């Protein structure tokens, strides 16, 4: 499945139960550690993508923040249009070649 924009990807994440809205207040100002701790927890547990809706210290508090949308191999494969991450071997080869240039 491929997407025309991020909205389409977000819709599929919601439909698949891979995106959760989080309405608790989080301080995201510089020099705070709330986002780092959240990211570490989500990474260690292959956690879901989150839509953070109540941010403090954010320059646009009325705009939600999409957090951890590519946090698992499966979600990364989805955005690239692959059925599963095992089908991404060709992408790895291309990325290896580009990085060597």
PDB file of N, CA and C in Angstrom:
ATOM      1  N   UNK A   1       0.847  -1.170   0.000  1.00  0.00           N
ATOM      2  CA  UNK A   1       0.000   0.000   0.000  1.00  0.00           C
ATOM      3  C   UNK A   1       0.892   1.233   0.000  1.00  0.00           C
ATOM      4  N   UNK A   2       0.604   2.152  -0.869  1.00  0.00           N
ATOM      5  CA  UNK A   2       1.352   3.399  -0.900  1.00  0.00           C
ATOM      6  C   UNK A   2       0.413   4.544  -0.546  1.00  0.00           C
ATOM      7  N   UNK A   3       0.994   5.643  -0.134  1.00  0.00           N
ATOM      8  CA  UNK A   3       0.204   6.763   0.365  1.00  0.00           C
ATOM      9  C   UNK A   3       0.529   8.021  -0.427  1.00  0.00           C
ATOM     10  N   UNK A   4      -0.508   8.830  -0.650  1.00  0.00           N
ATOM     11  CA  UNK A   4      -0.313  10.100  -1.344  1.00  0.00           C
ATOM     12  C   UNK A   4       0.231  11.169  -0.413  1.00  0.00           C
ATOM     13  N   UNK A   5      -0.059  11.043   0.875  1.00  0.00           N
ATOM     14  CA  UNK A   5       0.418  12.013   1.854  1.00  0.00           C
ATOM     15  C   UNK A   5       0.399  11.377   3.243  1.00  0.00           C
ATOM     16  N   UNK A   6       0.875  12.116   4.222  1.00  0.00           N
ATOM     17  CA  UNK A   6       0.955  11.597   5.587  1.00  0.00           C
ATOM     18  C   UNK A   6      -0.433  11.323   6.164  1.00  0.00           C
ATOM     19  N   UNK A   7      -1.442  12.075   5.730  1.00  0.00           N
ATOM     20  CA  UNK A   7      -2.805  11.842   6.237  1.00  0.00           C
ATOM     21  C   UNK A   7      -3.286  10.428   5.925  1.00  0.00           C
ATOM     22  N   UNK A   8      -2.978   9.949   4.724  1.00  0.00           N
ATOM     23  CA  UNK A   8      -3.366   8.594   4.355  1.00  0.00           C
ATOM     24  C   UNK A   8      -2.683   7.557   5.223  1.00  0.00           C
ATOM     25  N   UNK A   9      -1.405   7.768   5.501  1.00  0.00           N
ATOM     26  CA  UNK A   9      -0.654   6.865   6.367  1.00  0.00           C
ATOM     27  C   UNK A   9      -1.230   6.883   7.783  1.00  0.00           C
ATOM     28  N   UNK A  10      -1.540   8.068   8.287  1.00  0.00           N
ATOM     29  CA  UNK A  10      -2.134   8.198   9.626  1.00  0.00           C
ATOM     30  C   UNK A  10      -3.470   7.477   9.686  1.00  0.00           C
ATOM     31  N   UNK A  11      -4.287   7.623   8.663  1.00  0.00           N
ATOM     32  CA  UNK A  11      -5.587   6.942   8.636  1.00  0.00           C
ATOM     33  C   UNK A  11      -5.428   5.433   8.717  1.00  0.00           C
ATOM     34  N   UNK A  12      -4.484   4.881   7.972  1.00  0.00           N
ATOM     35  CA  UNK A  12      -4.263   3.430   7.996  1.00  0.00           C
ATOM     36  C   UNK A  12      -3.711   2.999   9.351  1.00  0.00           C
ATOM     37  N   UNK A  13      -2.799   3.776   9.914  1.00  0.00           N
ATOM     38  CA  UNK A  13      -2.302   3.445  11.248  1.00  0.00           C
ATOM     39  C   UNK A  13      -3.449   3.376  12.254  1.00  0.00           C
ATOM     40  N   UNK A  14      -4.366   4.331  12.178  1.00  0.00           N
ATOM     41  CA  UNK A  14      -5.525   4.326  13.094  1.00  0.00           C
ATOM     42  C   UNK A  14      -6.413   3.108  12.841  1.00  0.00           C
ATOM     43  N   UNK A  15      -6.688   2.826  11.585  1.00  0.00           N
ATOM     44  CA  UNK A  15      -7.548   1.680  11.243  1.00  0.00           C
ATOM     45  C   UNK A  15      -6.948   0.370  11.732  1.00  0.00           C
ATOM     46  N   UNK A  16      -5.630   0.254  11.673  1.00  0.00           N
ATOM     47  CA  UNK A  16      -4.944  -0.975  12.081  1.00  0.00           C
ATOM     48  C   UNK A  16      -4.676  -1.026  13.581  1.00  0.00           C
ATOM     49  N   UNK A  17      -5.062   0.018  14.308  1.00  0.00           N
ATOM     50  CA  UNK A  17      -4.816   0.058  15.745  1.00  0.00           C
ATOM     51  C   UNK A  17      -3.363   0.306  16.105  1.00  0.00           C
ATOM     52  N   UNK A  18      -2.606   0.917  15.187  1.00  0.00           N
ATOM     53  CA  UNK A  18      -1.186   1.156  15.395  1.00  0.00           C
ATOM     54  C   UNK A  18      -0.876   2.594  15.801  1.00  0.00           C
ATOM     55  N   UNK A  19      -1.911   3.406  15.920  1.00  0.00           N
ATOM     56  CA  UNK A  19      -1.753   4.805  16.317  1.00  0.00           C
ATOM     57  C   UNK A  19      -2.745   5.096  17.432  1.00  0.00           C
ATOM     58  N   UNK A  20      -2.238   5.694  18.498  1.00  0.00           N
ATOM     59  CA  UNK A  20      -3.092   6.029  19.637  1.00  0.00           C
ATOM     60  C   UNK A  20      -3.007   7.529  19.910  1.00  0.00           C
ATOM     61  N   UNK A  21      -4.157   8.135  20.217  1.00  0.00           N
ATOM     62  CA  UNK A  21      -4.184   9.534  20.611  1.00  0.00           C
ATOM     63  C   UNK A  21      -3.850   9.618  22.090  1.00  0.00           C
ATOM     64  N   UNK A  22      -2.927  10.498  22.433  1.00  0.00           N
ATOM     65  CA  UNK A  22      -2.508  10.683  23.811  1.00  0.00           C
ATOM     66  C   UNK A  22      -2.830  12.117  24.204  1.00  0.00           C
ATOM     67  N   UNK A  23      -3.750  12.274  25.145  1.00  0.00           N
ATOM     68  CA  UNK A  23      -4.219  13.594  25.523  1.00  0.00           C
ATOM     69  C   UNK A  23      -3.640  14.104  26.837  1.00  0.00           C
ATOM     70  N   UNK A  24      -2.793  13.330  27.508  1.00  0.00           N
ATOM     71  CA  UNK A  24      -2.192  13.824  28.746  1.00  0.00           C
ATOM     72  C   UNK A  24      -1.172  14.904  28.407  1.00  0.00           C
ATOM     73  N   UNK A  25      -1.003  15.838  29.338  1.00  0.00           N
ATOM     74  CA  UNK A  25      -0.094  16.942  29.079  1.00  0.00           C
ATOM     75  C   UNK A  25       1.357  16.467  29.179  1.00  0.00           C
ATOM     76  N   UNK A  26       2.146  16.819  28.176  1.00  0.00           N
ATOM     77  CA  UNK A  26       3.567  16.509  28.147  1.00  0.00           C
ATOM     78  C   UNK A  26       4.349  17.795  27.949  1.00  0.00           C
ATOM     79  N   UNK A  27       5.421  17.951  28.699  1.00  0.00           N
ATOM     80  CA  UNK A  27       6.294  19.104  28.535  1.00  0.00           C
ATOM     81  C   UNK A  27       7.331  18.757  27.479  1.00  0.00           C
ATOM     82  N   UNK A  28       7.316  19.473  26.380  1.00  0.00           N
ATOM     83  CA  UNK A  28       8.241  19.196  25.279  1.00  0.00           C
ATOM     84  C   UNK A  28       9.226  20.345  25.057  1.00  0.00           C
ATOM     85  N   UNK A  29       9.324  21.227  26.035  1.00  0.00           N
ATOM     86  CA  UNK A  29      10.258  22.343  25.922  1.00  0.00           C
ATOM     87  C   UNK A  29      11.688  21.821  25.901  1.00  0.00           C
ATOM     88  N   UNK A  30      12.572  22.608  25.319  1.00  0.00           N
ATOM     89  CA  UNK A  30      13.994  22.223  25.291  1.00  0.00           C
ATOM     90  C   UNK A  30      14.499  22.010  26.714  1.00  0.00           C
ATOM     91  N   UNK A  31      15.458  21.120  26.814  1.00  0.00           N
ATOM     92  CA  UNK A  31      16.103  20.797  28.089  1.00  0.00           C
ATOM     93  C   UNK A  31      15.193  20.021  29.044  1.00  0.00           C
ATOM     94  N   UNK A  32      14.095  19.488  28.548  1.00  0.00           N
ATOM     95  CA  UNK A  32      13.285  18.585  29.363  1.00  0.00           C
ATOM     96  C   UNK A  32      13.494  17.177  28.839  1.00  0.00           C
ATOM     97  N   UNK A  33      13.141  16.196  29.627  1.00  0.00           N
ATOM     98  CA  UNK A  33      13.424  14.819  29.222  1.00  0.00           C
ATOM     99  C   UNK A  33      12.164  13.984  29.016  1.00  0.00           C
ATOM    100  N   UNK A  34      10.986  14.580  29.031  1.00  0.00           N
ATOM    101  CA  UNK A  34       9.773  13.782  28.902  1.00  0.00           C
ATOM    102  C   UNK A  34       9.683  13.076  27.546  1.00  0.00           C
ATOM    103  N   UNK A  35      10.001  13.753  26.461  1.00  0.00           N
ATOM    104  CA  UNK A  35       9.928  13.105  25.148  1.00  0.00           C
ATOM    105  C   UNK A  35      11.001  12.041  24.977  1.00  0.00           C
ATOM    106  N   UNK A  36      12.192  12.284  25.500  1.00  0.00           N
ATOM    107  CA  UNK A  36      13.245  11.288  25.375  1.00  0.00           C
ATOM    108  C   UNK A  36      12.866  10.008  26.117  1.00  0.00           C
ATOM    109  N   UNK A  37      12.318  10.147  27.307  1.00  0.00           N
ATOM    110  CA  UNK A  37      11.908   8.972  28.079  1.00  0.00           C
ATOM    111  C   UNK A  37      10.788   8.224  27.370  1.00  0.00           C
ATOM    112  N   UNK A  38       9.848   8.954  26.805  1.00  0.00           N
ATOM    113  CA  UNK A  38       8.751   8.322  26.071  1.00  0.00           C
ATOM    114  C   UNK A  38       9.281   7.584  24.847  1.00  0.00           C
ATOM    115  N   UNK A  39      10.177   8.205  24.099  1.00  0.00           N
ATOM    116  CA  UNK A  39      10.735   7.559  22.916  1.00  0.00           C
ATOM    117  C   UNK A  39      11.520   6.302  23.297  1.00  0.00           C
ATOM    118  N   UNK A  40      12.294   6.370  24.350  1.00  0.00           N
ATOM    119  CA  UNK A  40      13.056   5.203  24.791  1.00  0.00           C
ATOM    120  C   UNK A  40      12.109   4.054  25.139  1.00  0.00           C
ATOM    121  N   UNK A  41      11.051   4.358  25.861  1.00  0.00           N
ATOM    122  CA  UNK A  41      10.070   3.329  26.239  1.00  0.00           C
ATOM    123  C   UNK A  41       9.407   2.725  25.008  1.00  0.00           C
ATOM    124  N   UNK A  42       8.962   3.561  24.082  1.00  0.00           N
ATOM    125  CA  UNK A  42       8.307   3.057  22.871  1.00  0.00           C
ATOM    126  C   UNK A  42       9.275   2.216  22.037  1.00  0.00           C
ATOM    127  N   UNK A  43      10.513   2.648  21.937  1.00  0.00           N
ATOM    128  CA  UNK A  43      11.504   1.910  21.156  1.00  0.00           C
ATOM    129  C   UNK A  43      11.779   0.542  21.775  1.00  0.00           C
ATOM    130  N   UNK A  44      11.967   0.496  23.082  1.00  0.00           N
ATOM    131  CA  UNK A  44      12.295  -0.760  23.753  1.00  0.00           C
ATOM    132  C   UNK A  44      11.162  -1.771  23.704  1.00  0.00           C
ATOM    133  N   UNK A  45       9.931  -1.300  23.605  1.00  0.00           N
ATOM    134  CA  UNK A  45       8.767  -2.191  23.606  1.00  0.00           C
ATOM    135  C   UNK A  45       8.082  -2.289  22.247  1.00  0.00           C
ATOM    136  N   UNK A  46       8.727  -1.813  21.167  1.00  0.00           N
ATOM    137  CA  UNK A  46       8.078  -1.766  19.848  1.00  0.00           C
ATOM    138  C   UNK A  46       6.690  -1.146  19.963  1.00  0.00           C
ATOM    139  N   UNK A  47       6.654  -0.021  20.635  1.00  0.00           N
ATOM    140  CA  UNK A  47       5.390   0.635  20.950  1.00  0.00           C
ATOM    141  C   UNK A  47       4.690   1.231  19.752  1.00  0.00           C
ATOM    142  N   UNK A  48       3.465   1.681  19.972  1.00  0.00           N
ATOM    143  CA  UNK A  48       2.655   2.237  18.891  1.00  0.00           C
ATOM    144  C   UNK A  48       3.114   3.634  18.492  1.00  0.00           C
ATOM    145  N   UNK A  49       2.586   4.087  17.394  1.00  0.00           N
ATOM    146  CA  UNK A  49       2.727   5.490  17.028  1.00  0.00           C
ATOM    147  C   UNK A  49       1.744   6.264  17.908  1.00  0.00           C
ATOM    148  N   UNK A  50       2.091   7.491  18.216  1.00  0.00           N
ATOM    149  CA  UNK A  50       1.239   8.308  19.075  1.00  0.00           C
ATOM    150  C   UNK A  50       0.935   9.635  18.404  1.00  0.00           C
ATOM    151  N   UNK A  51      -0.274  10.123  18.632  1.00  0.00           N
ATOM    152  CA  UNK A  51      -0.629  11.478  18.262  1.00  0.00           C
ATOM    153  C   UNK A  51      -0.713  12.242  19.578  1.00  0.00           C
ATOM    154  N   UNK A  52       0.271  13.114  19.813  1.00  0.00           N
ATOM    155  CA  UNK A  52       0.349  13.867  21.059  1.00  0.00           C
ATOM    156  C   UNK A  52      -0.467  15.139  20.907  1.00  0.00           C
ATOM    157  N   UNK A  53      -1.532  15.239  21.707  1.00  0.00           N
ATOM    158  CA  UNK A  53      -2.515  16.313  21.536  1.00  0.00           C
ATOM    159  C   UNK A  53      -2.463  17.416  22.582  1.00  0.00           C
ATOM    160  N   UNK A  54      -1.648  17.262  23.621  1.00  0.00           N
ATOM    161  CA  UNK A  54      -1.661  18.241  24.709  1.00  0.00           C
ATOM    162  C   UNK A  54      -0.217  18.533  25.119  1.00  0.00           C
ATOM    163  N   UNK A  55       0.445  19.368  24.334  1.00  0.00           N
ATOM    164  CA  UNK A  55       1.863  19.629  24.551  1.00  0.00           C
ATOM    165  C   UNK A  55       2.094  20.983  25.194  1.00  0.00           C
ATOM    166  N   UNK A  56       2.971  21.002  26.170  1.00  0.00           N
ATOM    167  CA  UNK A  56       3.372  22.241  26.838  1.00  0.00           C
ATOM    168  C   UNK A  56       4.794  22.572  26.398  1.00  0.00           C
ATOM    169  N   UNK A  57       5.060  23.845  26.134  1.00  0.00           N
ATOM    170  CA  UNK A  57       6.392  24.248  25.703  1.00  0.00           C
ATOM    171  C   UNK A  57       6.625  24.019  24.223  1.00  0.00           C
ATOM    172  N   UNK A  58       5.561  23.865  23.466  1.00  0.00           N
ATOM    173  CA  UNK A  58       5.604  23.595  22.030  1.00  0.00           C
ATOM    174  C   UNK A  58       5.214  24.881  21.323  1.00  0.00           C
ATOM    175  N   UNK A  59       5.891  25.240  20.256  1.00  0.00           N
ATOM    176  CA  UNK A  59       5.634  26.530  19.612  1.00  0.00           C
ATOM    177  C   UNK A  59       4.300  26.586  18.871  1.00  0.00           C
ATOM    178  N   UNK A  60       3.647  25.442  18.651  1.00  0.00           N
ATOM    179  CA  UNK A  60       2.326  25.425  18.000  1.00  0.00           C
ATOM    180  C   UNK A  60       1.419  24.455  18.758  1.00  0.00           C
ATOM    181  N   UNK A  61       0.973  24.816  19.952  1.00  0.00           N
ATOM    182  CA  UNK A  61       0.219  23.882  20.786  1.00  0.00           C
ATOM    183  C   UNK A  61      -1.103  23.409  20.182  1.00  0.00           C
ATOM    184  N   UNK A  62      -1.637  24.145  19.215  1.00  0.00           N
ATOM    185  CA  UNK A  62      -2.904  23.735  18.594  1.00  0.00           C
ATOM    186  C   UNK A  62      -2.711  22.653  17.537  1.00  0.00           C
ATOM    187  N   UNK A  63      -1.472  22.360  17.180  1.00  0.00           N
ATOM    188  CA  UNK A  63      -1.171  21.353  16.166  1.00  0.00           C
ATOM    189  C   UNK A  63      -0.649  20.097  16.862  1.00  0.00           C
ATOM    190  N   UNK A  64      -1.335  18.973  16.702  1.00  0.00           N
ATOM    191  CA  UNK A  64      -0.839  17.744  17.344  1.00  0.00           C
ATOM    192  C   UNK A  64       0.480  17.292  16.712  1.00  0.00           C
ATOM    193  N   UNK A  65       1.224  16.505  17.465  1.00  0.00           N
ATOM    194  CA  UNK A  65       2.519  16.023  17.017  1.00  0.00           C
ATOM    195  C   UNK A  65       2.459  14.514  16.817  1.00  0.00           C
ATOM    196  N   UNK A  66       2.777  14.067  15.613  1.00  0.00           N
ATOM    197  CA  UNK A  66       2.852  12.635  15.322  1.00  0.00           C
ATOM    198  C   UNK A  66       4.190  12.135  15.839  1.00  0.00           C
ATOM    199  N   UNK A  67       4.142  11.132  16.690  1.00  0.00           N
ATOM    200  CA  UNK A  67       5.330  10.663  17.397  1.00  0.00           C
ATOM    201  C   UNK A  67       5.515   9.171  17.161  1.00  0.00           C
ATOM    202  N   UNK A  68       6.693   8.765  16.760  1.00  0.00           N
ATOM    203  CA  UNK A  68       7.057   7.356  16.561  1.00  0.00           C
ATOM    204  C   UNK A  68       6.296   6.685  15.413  1.00  0.00           C
ATOM    205  N   UNK A  69       6.075   7.369  14.300  1.00  0.00           N
ATOM    206  CA  UNK A  69       5.311   6.737  13.216  1.00  0.00           C
ATOM    207  C   UNK A  69       6.039   5.586  12.532  1.00  0.00           C
ATOM    208  N   UNK A  70       7.359   5.556  12.599  1.00  0.00           N
ATOM    209  CA  UNK A  70       8.140   4.498  11.943  1.00  0.00           C
ATOM    210  C   UNK A  70       8.888   3.660  12.975  1.00  0.00           C
ATOM    211  N   UNK A  71       8.312   3.515  14.149  1.00  0.00           N
ATOM    212  CA  UNK A  71       8.989   2.884  15.273  1.00  0.00           C
ATOM    213  C   UNK A  71       9.186   1.385  15.181  1.00  0.00           C
ATOM    214  N   UNK A  72       8.560   0.742  14.232  1.00  0.00           N
ATOM    215  CA  UNK A  72       8.773  -0.696  14.041  1.00  0.00           C
ATOM    216  C   UNK A  72       9.108  -0.951  12.583  1.00  0.00           C
ATOM    217  N   UNK A  73       9.692  -2.085  12.316  1.00  0.00           N
ATOM    218  CA  UNK A  73      10.012  -2.441  10.933  1.00  0.00           C
ATOM    219  C   UNK A  73       8.749  -2.557  10.092  1.00  0.00           C
ATOM    220  N   UNK A  74       7.683  -3.049  10.693  1.00  0.00           N
ATOM    221  CA  UNK A  74       6.420  -3.209   9.946  1.00  0.00           C
ATOM    222  C   UNK A  74       5.860  -1.863   9.517  1.00  0.00           C
ATOM    223  N   UNK A  75       5.881  -0.878  10.421  1.00  0.00           N
ATOM    224  CA  UNK A  75       5.358   0.444  10.062  1.00  0.00           C
ATOM    225  C   UNK A  75       6.260   1.132   9.040  1.00  0.00           C
ATOM    226  N   UNK A  76       7.559   0.929   9.143  1.00  0.00           N
ATOM    227  CA  UNK A  76       8.457   1.477   8.134  1.00  0.00           C
ATOM    228  C   UNK A  76       8.179   0.845   6.784  1.00  0.00           C
ATOM    229  N   UNK A  77       7.950  -0.459   6.760  1.00  0.00           N
ATOM    230  CA  UNK A  77       7.616  -1.141   5.506  1.00  0.00           C
ATOM    231  C   UNK A  77       6.324  -0.594   4.919  1.00  0.00           C
ATOM    232  N   UNK A  78       5.337  -0.313   5.781  1.00  0.00           N
ATOM    233  CA  UNK A  78       4.054   0.219   5.302  1.00  0.00           C
ATOM    234  C   UNK A  78       4.245   1.516   4.533  1.00  0.00           C
ATOM    235  N   UNK A  79       5.036   2.435   5.080  1.00  0.00           N
ATOM    236  CA  UNK A  79       5.190   3.743   4.437  1.00  0.00           C
ATOM    237  C   UNK A  79       5.924   3.619   3.110  1.00  0.00           C
ATOM    238  N   UNK A  80       6.741   2.565   2.962  1.00  0.00           N
ATOM    239  CA  UNK A  80       7.459   2.346   1.716  1.00  0.00           C
ATOM    240  C   UNK A  80       6.664   1.507   0.726  1.00  0.00           C
ATOM    241  N   UNK A  81       5.457   1.094   1.114  1.00  0.00           N
ATOM    242  CA  UNK A  81       4.607   0.338   0.210  1.00  0.00           C
ATOM    243  C   UNK A  81       4.906  -1.145   0.171  1.00  0.00           C
ATOM    244  N   UNK A  82       5.674  -1.653   1.122  1.00  0.00           N
ATOM    245  CA  UNK A  82       6.011  -3.076   1.147  1.00  0.00           C
ATOM    246  C   UNK A  82       5.000  -3.837   2.005  1.00  0.00           C
ATOM    247  N   UNK A  83       4.807  -5.103   1.684  1.00  0.00           N
ATOM    248  CA  UNK A  83       3.892  -5.951   2.439  1.00  0.00           C
ATOM    249  C   UNK A  83       4.456  -6.214   3.832  1.00  0.00           C
ATOM    250  N   UNK A  84       5.752  -6.458   3.924  1.00  0.00           N
ATOM    251  CA  UNK A  84       6.409  -6.658   5.209  1.00  0.00           C
ATOM    252  C   UNK A  84       7.852  -6.181   5.092  1.00  0.00           C
ATOM    253  N   UNK A  85       8.499  -6.086   6.227  1.00  0.00           N
ATOM    254  CA  UNK A  85       9.871  -5.580   6.192  1.00  0.00           C
ATOM    255  C   UNK A  85      10.834  -6.540   5.510  1.00  0.00           C
ATOM    256  N   UNK A  86      10.481  -7.800   5.395  1.00  0.00           N
ATOM    257  CA  UNK A  86      11.375  -8.731   4.696  1.00  0.00           C
ATOM    258  C   UNK A  86      11.435  -8.440   3.202  1.00  0.00           C
ATOM    259  N   UNK A  87      10.449  -7.703   2.690  1.00  0.00           N
ATOM    260  CA  UNK A  87      10.445  -7.330   1.275  1.00  0.00           C
ATOM    261  C   UNK A  87      11.294  -6.086   1.000  1.00  0.00           C
ATOM    262  N   UNK A  88      11.927  -5.559   2.024  1.00  0.00           N
ATOM    263  CA  UNK A  88      12.692  -4.315   1.865  1.00  0.00           C
ATOM    264  C   UNK A  88      14.165  -4.552   1.582  1.00  0.00           C
ATOM    265  N   UNK A  89      14.572  -5.764   1.308  1.00  0.00           N
ATOM    266  CA  UNK A  89      15.979  -6.055   1.049  1.00  0.00           C
ATOM    267  C   UNK A  89      16.505  -5.240  -0.132  1.00  0.00           C
ATOM    268  N   UNK A  90      15.687  -5.040  -1.142  1.00  0.00           N
ATOM    269  CA  UNK A  90      16.120  -4.240  -2.301  1.00  0.00           C
ATOM    270  C   UNK A  90      16.391  -2.802  -1.873  1.00  0.00           C
ATOM    271  N   UNK A  91      15.562  -2.258  -0.974  1.00  0.00           N
ATOM    272  CA  UNK A  91      15.785  -0.897  -0.474  1.00  0.00           C
ATOM    273  C   UNK A  91      17.111  -0.807   0.270  1.00  0.00           C
ATOM    274  N   UNK A  92      17.431  -1.843   1.063  1.00  0.00           N
ATOM    275  CA  UNK A  92      18.700  -1.841   1.790  1.00  0.00           C
ATOM    276  C   UNK A  92      19.871  -1.784   0.821  1.00  0.00           C
ATOM    277  N   UNK A  93      19.790  -2.525  -0.266  1.00  0.00           N
ATOM    278  CA  UNK A  93      20.866  -2.545  -1.252  1.00  0.00           C
ATOM    279  C   UNK A  93      21.027  -1.169  -1.884  1.00  0.00           C
ATOM    280  N   UNK A  94      19.928  -0.536  -2.243  1.00  0.00           N
ATOM    281  CA  UNK A  94      19.969   0.795  -2.843  1.00  0.00           C
ATOM    282  C   UNK A  94      20.547   1.800  -1.837  1.00  0.00           C
ATOM    283  N   UNK A  95      20.098   1.748  -0.591  1.00  0.00           N
ATOM    284  CA  UNK A  95      20.609   2.668   0.422  1.00  0.00           C
ATOM    285  C   UNK A  95      22.104   2.477   0.666  1.00  0.00           C
ATOM    286  N   UNK A  96      22.554   1.220   0.663  1.00  0.00           N
ATOM    287  CA  UNK A  96      23.988   0.959   0.811  1.00  0.00           C
ATOM    288  C   UNK A  96      24.782   1.601  -0.318  1.00  0.00           C
ATOM    289  N   UNK A  97      24.289   1.486  -1.542  1.00  0.00           N
ATOM    290  CA  UNK A  97      24.989   2.078  -2.687  1.00  0.00           C
ATOM    291  C   UNK A  97      25.017   3.591  -2.601  1.00  0.00           C
ATOM    292  N   UNK A  98      23.902   4.197  -2.222  1.00  0.00           N
ATOM    293  CA  UNK A  98      23.820   5.657  -2.138  1.00  0.00           C
ATOM    294  C   UNK A  98      24.749   6.177  -1.046  1.00  0.00           C
ATOM    295  N   UNK A  99      24.811   5.470   0.080  1.00  0.00           N
ATOM    296  CA  UNK A  99      25.666   5.919   1.175  1.00  0.00           C
ATOM    297  C   UNK A  99      27.142   5.861   0.833  1.00  0.00           C
ATOM    298  N   UNK A 100      27.504   5.029  -0.090  1.00  0.00           N
ATOM    299  CA  UNK A 100      28.907   4.913  -0.488  1.00  0.00           C
ATOM    300  C   UNK A 100      29.340   6.023  -1.431  1.00  0.00           C
ATOM    301  N   UNK A 101      28.397   6.705  -2.072  1.00  0.00           N
ATOM    302  CA  UNK A 101      28.739   7.762  -3.036  1.00  0.00           C
ATOM    303  C   UNK A 101      29.312   8.991  -2.365  1.00  0.00           C
TER     304      UNK A 101
END
